[in-house]
N, C-alpha and C. Protein backbone atom coordinates (compact mmCIF):
# COMPACT_ATOMS: atom_id res chain seq x y z
N MET A 1 -5.68 -104.12 132.87
CA MET A 1 -5.14 -103.86 134.20
C MET A 1 -5.78 -104.83 135.20
N MET A 2 -4.98 -105.42 136.04
CA MET A 2 -5.50 -106.29 137.08
C MET A 2 -6.25 -105.46 138.10
N GLU A 3 -7.16 -106.13 138.85
CA GLU A 3 -7.94 -105.40 139.85
C GLU A 3 -7.03 -104.67 140.84
N GLU A 4 -5.92 -105.31 141.22
CA GLU A 4 -4.99 -104.67 142.16
C GLU A 4 -4.44 -103.36 141.62
N GLU A 5 -4.35 -103.25 140.30
CA GLU A 5 -3.76 -102.08 139.67
C GLU A 5 -4.81 -101.12 139.14
N MET A 6 -6.04 -101.23 139.63
CA MET A 6 -7.13 -100.42 139.12
C MET A 6 -6.80 -98.93 139.20
N GLU A 7 -6.95 -98.25 138.07
CA GLU A 7 -6.68 -96.81 138.01
C GLU A 7 -7.74 -96.05 138.81
N ILE A 8 -7.34 -94.92 139.34
CA ILE A 8 -8.27 -94.05 140.07
C ILE A 8 -9.27 -93.50 139.06
N THR A 9 -10.54 -93.67 139.36
CA THR A 9 -11.60 -93.26 138.43
C THR A 9 -12.03 -91.81 138.70
N PRO A 10 -12.60 -91.17 137.69
CA PRO A 10 -13.05 -89.78 137.87
C PRO A 10 -14.06 -89.60 139.01
N ASP A 11 -14.90 -90.60 139.25
CA ASP A 11 -15.86 -90.46 140.35
C ASP A 11 -15.17 -90.43 141.70
N LEU A 12 -14.09 -91.19 141.86
CA LEU A 12 -13.34 -91.15 143.12
C LEU A 12 -12.69 -89.78 143.30
N VAL A 13 -12.15 -89.24 142.22
CA VAL A 13 -11.55 -87.90 142.29
C VAL A 13 -12.61 -86.89 142.69
N GLU A 14 -13.79 -87.00 142.11
CA GLU A 14 -14.88 -86.07 142.42
C GLU A 14 -15.25 -86.12 143.90
N TRP A 15 -15.32 -87.32 144.46
CA TRP A 15 -15.60 -87.45 145.90
C TRP A 15 -14.50 -86.78 146.72
N MET A 16 -13.27 -86.99 146.33
CA MET A 16 -12.15 -86.44 147.08
C MET A 16 -12.12 -84.92 147.04
N VAL A 17 -12.34 -84.33 145.86
CA VAL A 17 -12.24 -82.87 145.74
C VAL A 17 -13.40 -82.15 146.40
N ASN A 18 -14.39 -82.92 146.83
CA ASN A 18 -15.53 -82.33 147.54
C ASN A 18 -15.53 -82.65 149.03
N ASP A 19 -14.45 -83.23 149.51
CA ASP A 19 -14.33 -83.55 150.93
C ASP A 19 -13.30 -82.60 151.56
N PRO A 20 -13.76 -81.67 152.40
CA PRO A 20 -12.84 -80.69 153.00
C PRO A 20 -11.68 -81.31 153.78
N LYS A 21 -11.91 -82.45 154.42
CA LYS A 21 -10.82 -83.11 155.16
C LYS A 21 -9.70 -83.53 154.20
N VAL A 22 -10.09 -83.97 153.02
CA VAL A 22 -9.11 -84.42 152.04
C VAL A 22 -8.48 -83.22 151.34
N THR A 23 -9.30 -82.27 150.91
CA THR A 23 -8.77 -81.15 150.14
C THR A 23 -7.80 -80.30 150.96
N SER A 24 -8.02 -80.23 152.27
CA SER A 24 -7.13 -79.43 153.11
C SER A 24 -5.73 -80.05 153.20
N ARG A 25 -5.59 -81.29 152.76
CA ARG A 25 -4.30 -81.99 152.83
C ARG A 25 -3.64 -82.14 151.46
N TRP A 26 -4.07 -81.36 150.48
CA TRP A 26 -3.54 -81.53 149.12
C TRP A 26 -2.02 -81.33 149.06
N ARG A 27 -1.49 -80.41 149.86
CA ARG A 27 -0.03 -80.19 149.86
C ARG A 27 0.70 -81.42 150.39
N ASP A 28 0.15 -82.02 151.46
CA ASP A 28 0.75 -83.25 152.01
C ASP A 28 0.71 -84.38 150.98
N MET A 29 -0.38 -84.42 150.21
CA MET A 29 -0.48 -85.42 149.16
C MET A 29 0.61 -85.20 148.11
N ALA A 30 0.83 -83.93 147.75
CA ALA A 30 1.88 -83.61 146.77
C ALA A 30 3.24 -84.06 147.29
N LEU A 31 3.51 -83.83 148.56
CA LEU A 31 4.78 -84.26 149.15
C LEU A 31 4.91 -85.78 149.11
N TYR A 32 3.87 -86.47 149.49
CA TYR A 32 3.89 -87.94 149.50
C TYR A 32 4.16 -88.48 148.10
N LEU A 33 3.60 -87.81 147.09
CA LEU A 33 3.75 -88.24 145.70
C LEU A 33 5.04 -87.74 145.06
N ASP A 34 5.83 -87.01 145.81
CA ASP A 34 7.06 -86.40 145.31
C ASP A 34 6.76 -85.43 144.16
N LEU A 35 5.65 -84.69 144.32
CA LEU A 35 5.25 -83.67 143.36
C LEU A 35 5.28 -82.28 143.98
N GLN A 36 6.09 -82.13 145.03
CA GLN A 36 6.15 -80.86 145.75
C GLN A 36 6.61 -79.69 144.88
N ASP A 37 7.34 -79.97 143.82
CA ASP A 37 7.79 -78.89 142.94
C ASP A 37 6.63 -78.19 142.24
N TYR A 38 5.47 -78.84 142.21
CA TYR A 38 4.29 -78.26 141.55
C TYR A 38 3.42 -77.44 142.49
N ILE A 39 3.69 -77.48 143.80
CA ILE A 39 2.88 -76.75 144.77
C ILE A 39 2.83 -75.25 144.46
N PRO A 40 3.96 -74.57 144.24
CA PRO A 40 3.88 -73.12 143.97
C PRO A 40 3.03 -72.79 142.74
N ALA A 41 3.16 -73.57 141.68
CA ALA A 41 2.37 -73.30 140.47
C ALA A 41 0.89 -73.52 140.73
N ILE A 42 0.56 -74.58 141.46
CA ILE A 42 -0.85 -74.85 141.77
C ILE A 42 -1.41 -73.74 142.63
N GLU A 43 -0.64 -73.28 143.61
CA GLU A 43 -1.10 -72.22 144.50
C GLU A 43 -1.25 -70.87 143.81
N SER A 44 -0.46 -70.63 142.78
CA SER A 44 -0.44 -69.30 142.16
C SER A 44 -1.53 -69.11 141.10
N ARG A 45 -2.12 -70.18 140.62
CA ARG A 45 -3.16 -70.04 139.61
C ARG A 45 -4.41 -69.40 140.19
N ARG A 46 -5.07 -68.61 139.39
CA ARG A 46 -6.30 -67.95 139.81
C ARG A 46 -7.51 -68.83 139.51
N SER A 47 -8.57 -68.58 140.22
CA SER A 47 -9.81 -69.33 140.03
C SER A 47 -10.37 -69.09 138.64
N LYS A 48 -10.89 -70.14 138.03
CA LYS A 48 -11.54 -70.00 136.73
C LYS A 48 -12.80 -69.15 136.85
N LEU A 49 -13.39 -69.14 138.03
CA LEU A 49 -14.60 -68.36 138.25
C LEU A 49 -14.30 -66.91 138.57
N GLY A 50 -13.04 -66.62 138.86
CA GLY A 50 -12.64 -65.25 139.14
C GLY A 50 -13.10 -64.74 140.50
N LEU A 51 -13.47 -65.62 141.39
CA LEU A 51 -13.94 -65.22 142.72
C LEU A 51 -12.77 -64.78 143.58
N LEU A 52 -12.55 -63.49 143.63
CA LEU A 52 -11.48 -62.90 144.42
C LEU A 52 -10.10 -63.44 144.05
N GLY A 53 -10.02 -64.11 142.94
CA GLY A 53 -8.73 -64.62 142.48
C GLY A 53 -8.25 -65.86 143.21
N GLN A 54 -8.83 -66.19 144.33
CA GLN A 54 -8.38 -67.35 145.11
C GLN A 54 -9.11 -68.62 144.69
N ARG A 55 -8.33 -69.68 144.59
CA ARG A 55 -8.95 -70.98 144.29
C ARG A 55 -9.12 -71.75 145.58
N LYS A 56 -10.17 -72.54 145.62
CA LYS A 56 -10.41 -73.39 146.78
C LYS A 56 -9.50 -74.61 146.72
N ASP A 57 -9.31 -75.21 147.88
CA ASP A 57 -8.45 -76.39 147.96
C ASP A 57 -8.93 -77.51 147.05
N GLY A 58 -10.24 -77.61 146.84
CA GLY A 58 -10.77 -78.65 145.95
C GLY A 58 -10.25 -78.49 144.53
N GLU A 59 -10.17 -77.26 144.06
CA GLU A 59 -9.63 -77.00 142.72
C GLU A 59 -8.15 -77.35 142.67
N LYS A 60 -7.45 -77.04 143.74
CA LYS A 60 -6.01 -77.33 143.81
C LYS A 60 -5.78 -78.84 143.84
N LEU A 61 -6.59 -79.55 144.60
CA LEU A 61 -6.46 -81.01 144.64
C LEU A 61 -6.78 -81.60 143.28
N SER A 62 -7.79 -81.08 142.63
CA SER A 62 -8.15 -81.56 141.29
C SER A 62 -6.97 -81.41 140.33
N GLU A 63 -6.30 -80.28 140.39
CA GLU A 63 -5.13 -80.06 139.54
C GLU A 63 -4.00 -81.03 139.90
N LEU A 64 -3.79 -81.23 141.20
CA LEU A 64 -2.76 -82.17 141.64
C LEU A 64 -3.07 -83.58 141.13
N MET A 65 -4.33 -83.98 141.19
CA MET A 65 -4.72 -85.31 140.71
C MET A 65 -4.43 -85.44 139.21
N THR A 66 -4.65 -84.38 138.46
CA THR A 66 -4.36 -84.40 137.02
C THR A 66 -2.86 -84.53 136.78
N ILE A 67 -2.08 -83.78 137.54
CA ILE A 67 -0.62 -83.87 137.42
C ILE A 67 -0.16 -85.28 137.77
N TRP A 68 -0.71 -85.84 138.84
CA TRP A 68 -0.36 -87.21 139.26
C TRP A 68 -0.67 -88.19 138.13
N ARG A 69 -1.87 -88.08 137.56
CA ARG A 69 -2.29 -89.00 136.50
C ARG A 69 -1.37 -88.91 135.28
N ILE A 70 -0.94 -87.71 134.94
CA ILE A 70 -0.11 -87.52 133.75
C ILE A 70 1.35 -87.92 134.00
N LEU A 71 1.91 -87.46 135.11
CA LEU A 71 3.34 -87.67 135.34
C LEU A 71 3.69 -88.99 136.01
N LYS A 72 2.75 -89.55 136.74
CA LYS A 72 3.05 -90.78 137.50
C LYS A 72 1.95 -91.81 137.28
N LYS A 73 1.62 -92.01 136.01
CA LYS A 73 0.50 -92.90 135.66
C LYS A 73 0.66 -94.29 136.26
N ARG A 74 1.89 -94.77 136.35
CA ARG A 74 2.14 -96.13 136.88
C ARG A 74 1.62 -96.30 138.30
N ILE A 75 1.66 -95.21 139.10
CA ILE A 75 1.19 -95.30 140.48
C ILE A 75 -0.14 -94.58 140.69
N TYR A 76 -0.80 -94.20 139.60
CA TYR A 76 -2.11 -93.56 139.69
C TYR A 76 -3.16 -94.68 139.79
N THR A 77 -3.07 -95.39 140.93
CA THR A 77 -3.90 -96.58 141.13
C THR A 77 -4.63 -96.49 142.46
N VAL A 78 -5.69 -97.26 142.57
CA VAL A 78 -6.46 -97.30 143.80
C VAL A 78 -5.60 -97.80 144.97
N PRO A 79 -4.83 -98.89 144.81
CA PRO A 79 -4.00 -99.32 145.95
C PRO A 79 -3.04 -98.23 146.43
N TYR A 80 -2.44 -97.50 145.49
CA TYR A 80 -1.51 -96.43 145.89
C TYR A 80 -2.26 -95.30 146.57
N LEU A 81 -3.45 -94.97 146.06
CA LEU A 81 -4.28 -93.95 146.69
C LEU A 81 -4.64 -94.37 148.12
N LEU A 82 -4.98 -95.63 148.30
CA LEU A 82 -5.31 -96.12 149.64
C LEU A 82 -4.12 -96.00 150.59
N ARG A 83 -2.92 -96.31 150.11
CA ARG A 83 -1.72 -96.14 150.95
C ARG A 83 -1.54 -94.68 151.33
N LEU A 84 -1.74 -93.79 150.36
CA LEU A 84 -1.60 -92.35 150.61
C LEU A 84 -2.62 -91.89 151.64
N LEU A 85 -3.87 -92.26 151.47
CA LEU A 85 -4.92 -91.85 152.42
C LEU A 85 -4.64 -92.40 153.81
N ASP A 86 -4.19 -93.65 153.87
CA ASP A 86 -3.86 -94.26 155.16
C ASP A 86 -2.70 -93.52 155.82
N LYS A 87 -1.66 -93.24 155.05
CA LYS A 87 -0.48 -92.54 155.58
C LYS A 87 -0.84 -91.17 156.14
N LEU A 88 -1.79 -90.47 155.48
CA LEU A 88 -2.19 -89.14 155.92
C LEU A 88 -3.29 -89.17 156.97
N GLY A 89 -3.73 -90.35 157.35
CA GLY A 89 -4.76 -90.47 158.38
C GLY A 89 -6.15 -90.03 157.92
N LEU A 90 -6.39 -90.09 156.62
CA LEU A 90 -7.69 -89.71 156.08
C LEU A 90 -8.59 -90.95 156.04
N ASN A 91 -8.96 -91.39 157.24
CA ASN A 91 -9.63 -92.68 157.41
C ASN A 91 -11.01 -92.75 156.77
N ASP A 92 -11.79 -91.68 156.85
CA ASP A 92 -13.13 -91.72 156.26
C ASP A 92 -13.06 -91.91 154.75
N MET A 93 -12.17 -91.17 154.08
CA MET A 93 -12.03 -91.31 152.63
C MET A 93 -11.42 -92.66 152.29
N TYR A 94 -10.49 -93.11 153.11
CA TYR A 94 -9.89 -94.43 152.91
C TYR A 94 -10.99 -95.49 152.90
N ASP A 95 -11.86 -95.46 153.91
CA ASP A 95 -12.95 -96.44 153.99
C ASP A 95 -13.90 -96.30 152.80
N TRP A 96 -14.19 -95.06 152.41
CA TRP A 96 -15.10 -94.83 151.29
C TRP A 96 -14.51 -95.39 149.99
N VAL A 97 -13.24 -95.13 149.73
CA VAL A 97 -12.61 -95.63 148.51
C VAL A 97 -12.60 -97.15 148.51
N ARG A 98 -12.29 -97.73 149.64
CA ARG A 98 -12.30 -99.20 149.75
C ARG A 98 -13.68 -99.76 149.43
N MET A 99 -14.69 -99.14 150.01
CA MET A 99 -16.06 -99.60 149.79
C MET A 99 -16.46 -99.45 148.32
N MET A 100 -16.15 -98.29 147.73
CA MET A 100 -16.55 -98.00 146.35
C MET A 100 -15.82 -98.88 145.33
N THR A 101 -14.64 -99.35 145.69
CA THR A 101 -13.85 -100.14 144.74
C THR A 101 -13.85 -101.63 145.06
N GLY A 102 -14.51 -102.02 146.14
CA GLY A 102 -14.59 -103.43 146.49
C GLY A 102 -13.27 -104.02 146.92
N GLN A 103 -12.37 -103.18 147.43
CA GLN A 103 -11.06 -103.67 147.89
C GLN A 103 -11.25 -104.44 149.19
N THR A 104 -10.57 -105.56 149.31
CA THR A 104 -10.62 -106.34 150.54
C THR A 104 -9.23 -106.39 151.16
N LEU A 105 -9.20 -106.61 152.45
CA LEU A 105 -7.93 -106.68 153.17
C LEU A 105 -7.55 -108.13 153.45
N SER A 106 -6.27 -108.39 153.41
CA SER A 106 -5.76 -109.69 153.83
C SER A 106 -5.69 -109.70 155.35
N LYS A 107 -5.53 -110.87 155.92
CA LYS A 107 -5.42 -110.99 157.38
C LYS A 107 -4.25 -110.15 157.89
N ARG A 108 -3.11 -110.19 157.18
CA ARG A 108 -1.94 -109.42 157.58
C ARG A 108 -2.22 -107.92 157.56
N GLN A 109 -2.94 -107.45 156.52
CA GLN A 109 -3.28 -106.03 156.43
C GLN A 109 -4.22 -105.61 157.56
N ILE A 110 -5.17 -106.47 157.88
CA ILE A 110 -6.09 -106.16 158.98
C ILE A 110 -5.33 -106.04 160.29
N GLU A 111 -4.41 -107.00 160.53
CA GLU A 111 -3.61 -106.95 161.75
C GLU A 111 -2.79 -105.67 161.80
N SER A 112 -2.20 -105.29 160.69
CA SER A 112 -1.39 -104.07 160.62
C SER A 112 -2.24 -102.85 160.91
N LEU A 113 -3.42 -102.76 160.34
CA LEU A 113 -4.31 -101.63 160.59
C LEU A 113 -4.72 -101.55 162.07
N VAL A 114 -5.03 -102.71 162.65
CA VAL A 114 -5.43 -102.74 164.06
C VAL A 114 -4.28 -102.25 164.93
N PHE A 115 -3.06 -102.73 164.68
CA PHE A 115 -1.92 -102.30 165.47
C PHE A 115 -1.67 -100.80 165.33
N ARG A 116 -1.83 -100.27 164.12
CA ARG A 116 -1.64 -98.83 163.91
C ARG A 116 -2.71 -98.04 164.68
N GLN A 117 -3.93 -98.54 164.69
CA GLN A 117 -5.00 -97.84 165.41
C GLN A 117 -4.78 -97.86 166.92
N LEU A 118 -4.20 -98.94 167.41
CA LEU A 118 -3.98 -99.08 168.85
C LEU A 118 -2.77 -98.31 169.35
N SER A 119 -1.85 -98.00 168.45
CA SER A 119 -0.63 -97.30 168.90
C SER A 119 -0.75 -95.80 168.79
C-alpha cells in the first residue's frame, strides 16, 4: 500500500475510541460512511461488561470502525479518515492523526483549510 493509502491502524482507533469529542459523533461518522443502516444494531447491543446494559459511545465507535474495516476496506485509510474528521469538525483528532501518521499538506490543501477556518 502506498503511503497515501495507509490503512487506519489499531492504535489510531484506540485513540479515537477514548476521545469523548470523537465518540459522541459516531452516528455522524456512520452517516458519512454510508453505514447508517448499522446504527440501530450498534445501539441495541448490550455492554460486554453488563453495566446497566448500556454501552458507552467508545464501544459503539469501536464497533463502527470494525464494520467500516470489513465492509469498506478500500476506504479504510488514513486519508479518508482525515477527510471524515475534517468534515465533522473534529480538529483536535484530525491534527493528532496527521501528526501520528506523518501526513503533510500540499499548498492547495493548506489554502483550503485556511479559507474554511476563516469562513
